[in-house]
């Protein structure tokens, strides 16, 4: 009878250990979403947030991609507002004329749309992704934190907080999420 108890105990231990060692795959984030949406939020960032500027100097243009939170309604990008804030200055950026194109200082613009549905318009729908560029009046030096707020007509605003890298290069500086 004693050996049966040890056999049963050994089998139970083996089953418990094997249960934690399965080959289940973890879900892959196919959208590339880099932040978790807050309750009521209808926009998320997708991929890296990058900045261009003067090598060894400052970042003057920041680019990021946004998409809808699954289940969110369409957003008219002509009705959003974008606010830039660093440790020195806060400013509300104006859209470029027609909402699409490279922004001048103090402006934001839609650079391009991925997975665009139907005719070109300024509505963010379903699986579309809008790549937005901002060009604030303030320049972002190395290691400084920046906050970018994208306010939509409804819902919780999308707030992006990043730090400029320690060394600024001319193109594609990845802003760091600390």
C-alpha atoms as a PDB file:
ATOM      1  CA  UNK A   1       0.000   0.000   0.000  1.00  0.00           C
ATOM      2  CA  UNK A   2       2.914   2.411   0.740  1.00  0.00           C
ATOM      3  CA  UNK A   3       4.397   2.140  -2.722  1.00  0.00           C
ATOM      4  CA  UNK A   4       0.999   2.917  -4.306  1.00  0.00           C
ATOM      5  CA  UNK A   5       0.820   6.171  -2.288  1.00  0.00           C
ATOM      6  CA  UNK A   6       4.265   7.228  -3.570  1.00  0.00           C
ATOM      7  CA  UNK A   7       3.334   6.246  -7.128  1.00  0.00           C
ATOM      8  CA  UNK A   8       0.120   8.292  -6.962  1.00  0.00           C
ATOM      9  CA  UNK A   9       1.963  11.274  -5.420  1.00  0.00           C
ATOM     10  CA  UNK A  10       4.648  11.075  -8.131  1.00  0.00           C
ATOM     11  CA  UNK A  11       2.036  11.019 -10.900  1.00  0.00           C
ATOM     12  CA  UNK A  12       0.248  14.047  -9.404  1.00  0.00           C
ATOM     13  CA  UNK A  13       3.521  15.999  -9.173  1.00  0.00           C
ATOM     14  CA  UNK A  14       4.362  15.114 -12.795  1.00  0.00           C
ATOM     15  CA  UNK A  15       0.900  16.247 -13.977  1.00  0.00           C
ATOM     16  CA  UNK A  16       1.195  19.571 -12.123  1.00  0.00           C
ATOM     17  CA  UNK A  17       4.676  20.219 -13.546  1.00  0.00           C
ATOM     18  CA  UNK A  18       3.603  19.239 -17.078  1.00  0.00           C
ATOM     19  CA  UNK A  19       0.594  21.572 -16.912  1.00  0.00           C
ATOM     20  CA  UNK A  20       2.907  24.601 -16.800  1.00  0.00           C
ATOM     21  CA  UNK A  21       5.071  23.355 -19.661  1.00  0.00           C
ATOM     22  CA  UNK A  22       2.724  23.374 -22.627  1.00  0.00           C
ATOM     23  CA  UNK A  23       3.523  24.593 -26.121  1.00  0.00           C
ATOM     24  CA  UNK A  24       0.741  27.163 -26.194  1.00  0.00           C
ATOM     25  CA  UNK A  25       1.758  30.172 -28.227  1.00  0.00           C
ATOM     26  CA  UNK A  26       1.380  33.593 -26.694  1.00  0.00           C
ATOM     27  CA  UNK A  27      -0.850  35.880 -28.750  1.00  0.00           C
ATOM     28  CA  UNK A  28       1.029  38.049 -31.212  1.00  0.00           C
ATOM     29  CA  UNK A  29       0.200  41.739 -31.415  1.00  0.00           C
ATOM     30  CA  UNK A  30      -0.313  42.026 -35.172  1.00  0.00           C
ATOM     31  CA  UNK A  31      -1.281  45.700 -35.051  1.00  0.00           C
ATOM     32  CA  UNK A  32       2.015  46.745 -33.433  1.00  0.00           C
ATOM     33  CA  UNK A  33       0.142  48.712 -30.772  1.00  0.00           C
ATOM     34  CA  UNK A  34       2.670  50.231 -28.402  1.00  0.00           C
ATOM     35  CA  UNK A  35       0.367  51.451 -25.678  1.00  0.00           C
ATOM     36  CA  UNK A  36      -2.643  50.005 -23.915  1.00  0.00           C
ATOM     37  CA  UNK A  37      -5.777  52.062 -24.361  1.00  0.00           C
ATOM     38  CA  UNK A  38      -7.347  53.687 -21.325  1.00  0.00           C
ATOM     39  CA  UNK A  39     -11.067  53.201 -20.659  1.00  0.00           C
ATOM     40  CA  UNK A  40     -13.026  55.324 -23.119  1.00  0.00           C
ATOM     41  CA  UNK A  41     -10.039  55.874 -25.381  1.00  0.00           C
ATOM     42  CA  UNK A  42     -10.626  55.375 -29.094  1.00  0.00           C
ATOM     43  CA  UNK A  43      -7.089  55.912 -30.470  1.00  0.00           C
ATOM     44  CA  UNK A  44      -3.851  54.001 -29.910  1.00  0.00           C
ATOM     45  CA  UNK A  45      -0.316  54.492 -31.195  1.00  0.00           C
ATOM     46  CA  UNK A  46       1.079  51.866 -33.520  1.00  0.00           C
ATOM     47  CA  UNK A  47       4.795  51.228 -33.903  1.00  0.00           C
ATOM     48  CA  UNK A  48       7.657  53.542 -32.974  1.00  0.00           C
ATOM     49  CA  UNK A  49       7.439  57.261 -32.361  1.00  0.00           C
ATOM     50  CA  UNK A  50      10.338  58.924 -34.157  1.00  0.00           C
ATOM     51  CA  UNK A  51      11.857  62.351 -34.468  1.00  0.00           C
ATOM     52  CA  UNK A  52      14.003  64.138 -37.039  1.00  0.00           C
ATOM     53  CA  UNK A  53      16.203  67.139 -36.461  1.00  0.00           C
ATOM     54  CA  UNK A  54      19.787  68.330 -36.248  1.00  0.00           C
ATOM     55  CA  UNK A  55      22.450  65.676 -35.651  1.00  0.00           C
ATOM     56  CA  UNK A  56      23.998  66.328 -32.243  1.00  0.00           C
ATOM     57  CA  UNK A  57      21.361  68.991 -31.597  1.00  0.00           C
ATOM     58  CA  UNK A  58      17.591  68.839 -31.228  1.00  0.00           C
ATOM     59  CA  UNK A  59      14.515  67.122 -32.657  1.00  0.00           C
ATOM     60  CA  UNK A  60      12.121  69.444 -34.485  1.00  0.00           C
ATOM     61  CA  UNK A  61       9.664  67.020 -36.139  1.00  0.00           C
ATOM     62  CA  UNK A  62       7.984  64.042 -34.457  1.00  0.00           C
ATOM     63  CA  UNK A  63       6.154  61.313 -36.373  1.00  0.00           C
ATOM     64  CA  UNK A  64       3.749  58.696 -35.004  1.00  0.00           C
ATOM     65  CA  UNK A  65       1.048  56.376 -36.316  1.00  0.00           C
ATOM     66  CA  UNK A  66      -2.430  56.044 -34.826  1.00  0.00           C
ATOM     67  CA  UNK A  67      -5.215  53.541 -35.296  1.00  0.00           C
ATOM     68  CA  UNK A  68      -8.601  52.863 -33.767  1.00  0.00           C
ATOM     69  CA  UNK A  69      -9.046  50.811 -30.627  1.00  0.00           C
ATOM     70  CA  UNK A  70     -10.886  47.607 -31.650  1.00  0.00           C
ATOM     71  CA  UNK A  71     -14.604  48.337 -31.626  1.00  0.00           C
ATOM     72  CA  UNK A  72     -14.180  52.148 -31.693  1.00  0.00           C
ATOM     73  CA  UNK A  73     -16.256  54.277 -34.052  1.00  0.00           C
ATOM     74  CA  UNK A  74     -14.824  56.208 -36.992  1.00  0.00           C
ATOM     75  CA  UNK A  75     -12.940  59.414 -36.111  1.00  0.00           C
ATOM     76  CA  UNK A  76     -13.035  62.524 -38.270  1.00  0.00           C
ATOM     77  CA  UNK A  77      -9.394  63.651 -38.165  1.00  0.00           C
ATOM     78  CA  UNK A  78     -10.504  67.167 -39.109  1.00  0.00           C
ATOM     79  CA  UNK A  79     -12.046  67.436 -35.633  1.00  0.00           C
ATOM     80  CA  UNK A  80      -9.052  66.377 -33.539  1.00  0.00           C
ATOM     81  CA  UNK A  81      -6.648  68.698 -31.787  1.00  0.00           C
ATOM     82  CA  UNK A  82      -3.001  67.993 -31.029  1.00  0.00           C
ATOM     83  CA  UNK A  83      -1.157  69.512 -28.085  1.00  0.00           C
ATOM     84  CA  UNK A  84       2.635  69.383 -27.661  1.00  0.00           C
ATOM     85  CA  UNK A  85       4.248  69.904 -24.246  1.00  0.00           C
ATOM     86  CA  UNK A  86       7.807  69.569 -23.041  1.00  0.00           C
ATOM     87  CA  UNK A  87       9.401  70.818 -19.806  1.00  0.00           C
ATOM     88  CA  UNK A  88       9.525  74.382 -21.148  1.00  0.00           C
ATOM     89  CA  UNK A  89       6.599  75.000 -23.474  1.00  0.00           C
ATOM     90  CA  UNK A  90       3.044  73.836 -24.196  1.00  0.00           C
ATOM     91  CA  UNK A  91       1.406  74.614 -27.532  1.00  0.00           C
ATOM     92  CA  UNK A  92      -1.669  73.644 -29.498  1.00  0.00           C
ATOM     93  CA  UNK A  93      -0.673  72.788 -33.062  1.00  0.00           C
ATOM     94  CA  UNK A  94      -2.734  73.811 -36.101  1.00  0.00           C
ATOM     95  CA  UNK A  95      -3.442  71.353 -38.946  1.00  0.00           C
ATOM     96  CA  UNK A  96      -1.790  71.932 -42.309  1.00  0.00           C
ATOM     97  CA  UNK A  97      -4.117  73.192 -45.010  1.00  0.00           C
ATOM     98  CA  UNK A  98      -6.170  70.237 -46.249  1.00  0.00           C
ATOM     99  CA  UNK A  99      -4.913  68.173 -43.256  1.00  0.00           C
ATOM    100  CA  UNK A 100      -2.449  66.203 -45.404  1.00  0.00           C
ATOM    101  CA  UNK A 101       1.197  67.013 -45.976  1.00  0.00           C
ATOM    102  CA  UNK A 102       4.415  68.025 -44.228  1.00  0.00           C
ATOM    103  CA  UNK A 103       3.795  70.459 -41.398  1.00  0.00           C
ATOM    104  CA  UNK A 104       5.485  73.843 -41.028  1.00  0.00           C
ATOM    105  CA  UNK A 105       6.447  75.073 -37.539  1.00  0.00           C
ATOM    106  CA  UNK A 106       3.463  75.090 -35.220  1.00  0.00           C
ATOM    107  CA  UNK A 107       1.503  72.614 -37.367  1.00  0.00           C
ATOM    108  CA  UNK A 108       0.583  68.942 -37.673  1.00  0.00           C
ATOM    109  CA  UNK A 109      -0.245  66.969 -40.804  1.00  0.00           C
ATOM    110  CA  UNK A 110      -1.245  63.507 -41.991  1.00  0.00           C
ATOM    111  CA  UNK A 111       1.728  62.155 -43.951  1.00  0.00           C
ATOM    112  CA  UNK A 112       0.035  59.030 -45.273  1.00  0.00           C
ATOM    113  CA  UNK A 113      -2.694  56.496 -44.622  1.00  0.00           C
ATOM    114  CA  UNK A 114      -2.145  52.736 -44.463  1.00  0.00           C
ATOM    115  CA  UNK A 115      -4.995  50.372 -45.416  1.00  0.00           C
ATOM    116  CA  UNK A 116      -7.134  53.273 -46.631  1.00  0.00           C
ATOM    117  CA  UNK A 117     -10.762  52.294 -47.190  1.00  0.00           C
ATOM    118  CA  UNK A 118     -12.630  53.786 -50.147  1.00  0.00           C
ATOM    119  CA  UNK A 119     -11.795  57.178 -51.581  1.00  0.00           C
ATOM    120  CA  UNK A 120      -9.227  59.311 -49.772  1.00  0.00           C
ATOM    121  CA  UNK A 121     -10.820  61.198 -46.880  1.00  0.00           C
ATOM    122  CA  UNK A 122      -9.766  62.343 -43.451  1.00  0.00           C
ATOM    123  CA  UNK A 123     -11.793  59.777 -41.524  1.00  0.00           C
ATOM    124  CA  UNK A 124      -9.936  57.128 -39.546  1.00  0.00           C
ATOM    125  CA  UNK A 125     -11.944  53.933 -39.995  1.00  0.00           C
ATOM    126  CA  UNK A 126     -11.711  50.235 -39.109  1.00  0.00           C
ATOM    127  CA  UNK A 127      -8.182  48.966 -39.864  1.00  0.00           C
ATOM    128  CA  UNK A 128      -6.805  52.237 -41.263  1.00  0.00           C
ATOM    129  CA  UNK A 129      -3.670  53.757 -39.769  1.00  0.00           C
ATOM    130  CA  UNK A 130      -2.828  57.454 -40.049  1.00  0.00           C
ATOM    131  CA  UNK A 131       0.806  58.514 -39.838  1.00  0.00           C
ATOM    132  CA  UNK A 132       0.927  61.998 -38.354  1.00  0.00           C
ATOM    133  CA  UNK A 133       3.850  64.409 -38.260  1.00  0.00           C
ATOM    134  CA  UNK A 134       4.062  67.346 -35.869  1.00  0.00           C
ATOM    135  CA  UNK A 135       6.450  70.301 -36.061  1.00  0.00           C
ATOM    136  CA  UNK A 136       6.167  72.319 -32.848  1.00  0.00           C
ATOM    137  CA  UNK A 137       7.733  75.729 -32.326  1.00  0.00           C
ATOM    138  CA  UNK A 138       9.755  74.279 -29.431  1.00  0.00           C
ATOM    139  CA  UNK A 139      12.699  72.026 -30.210  1.00  0.00           C
ATOM    140  CA  UNK A 140      13.260  68.833 -28.236  1.00  0.00           C
ATOM    141  CA  UNK A 141      16.814  68.376 -26.900  1.00  0.00           C
ATOM    142  CA  UNK A 142      18.394  65.058 -25.902  1.00  0.00           C
ATOM    143  CA  UNK A 143      16.955  63.267 -22.841  1.00  0.00           C
ATOM    144  CA  UNK A 144      14.013  65.659 -22.457  1.00  0.00           C
ATOM    145  CA  UNK A 145      10.502  64.327 -21.980  1.00  0.00           C
ATOM    146  CA  UNK A 146       7.728  65.267 -24.386  1.00  0.00           C
ATOM    147  CA  UNK A 147       3.989  64.799 -24.029  1.00  0.00           C
ATOM    148  CA  UNK A 148       1.746  64.767 -27.074  1.00  0.00           C
ATOM    149  CA  UNK A 149      -2.014  64.754 -26.529  1.00  0.00           C
ATOM    150  CA  UNK A 150      -4.378  63.855 -29.360  1.00  0.00           C
ATOM    151  CA  UNK A 151      -7.900  64.959 -28.428  1.00  0.00           C
ATOM    152  CA  UNK A 152     -10.797  63.434 -30.332  1.00  0.00           C
ATOM    153  CA  UNK A 153     -14.385  64.785 -30.331  1.00  0.00           C
ATOM    154  CA  UNK A 154     -15.469  61.903 -28.045  1.00  0.00           C
ATOM    155  CA  UNK A 155     -13.665  59.742 -25.557  1.00  0.00           C
ATOM    156  CA  UNK A 156     -10.497  59.870 -23.531  1.00  0.00           C
ATOM    157  CA  UNK A 157      -7.591  61.683 -25.247  1.00  0.00           C
ATOM    158  CA  UNK A 158      -4.579  59.696 -26.443  1.00  0.00           C
ATOM    159  CA  UNK A 159      -1.593  60.834 -24.371  1.00  0.00           C
ATOM    160  CA  UNK A 160       1.878  59.947 -25.627  1.00  0.00           C
ATOM    161  CA  UNK A 161       4.829  60.427 -23.244  1.00  0.00           C
ATOM    162  CA  UNK A 162       8.331  59.777 -24.519  1.00  0.00           C
ATOM    163  CA  UNK A 163      11.928  60.892 -23.992  1.00  0.00           C
ATOM    164  CA  UNK A 164      14.319  62.072 -26.658  1.00  0.00           C
ATOM    165  CA  UNK A 165      17.306  59.721 -26.965  1.00  0.00           C
ATOM    166  CA  UNK A 166      20.632  60.689 -25.338  1.00  0.00           C
ATOM    167  CA  UNK A 167      22.210  61.288 -28.753  1.00  0.00           C
ATOM    168  CA  UNK A 168      20.267  62.995 -31.532  1.00  0.00           C
ATOM    169  CA  UNK A 169      20.880  61.930 -35.139  1.00  0.00           C
ATOM    170  CA  UNK A 170      19.407  63.614 -38.216  1.00  0.00           C
ATOM    171  CA  UNK A 171      16.678  61.043 -39.045  1.00  0.00           C
ATOM    172  CA  UNK A 172      14.625  58.378 -37.257  1.00  0.00           C
ATOM    173  CA  UNK A 173      15.477  59.065 -33.622  1.00  0.00           C
ATOM    174  CA  UNK A 174      13.301  56.616 -31.689  1.00  0.00           C
ATOM    175  CA  UNK A 175      11.690  58.378 -28.760  1.00  0.00           C
ATOM    176  CA  UNK A 176      12.087  56.237 -25.660  1.00  0.00           C
ATOM    177  CA  UNK A 177       9.240  55.025 -23.450  1.00  0.00           C
ATOM    178  CA  UNK A 178      10.642  55.015 -19.911  1.00  0.00           C
END
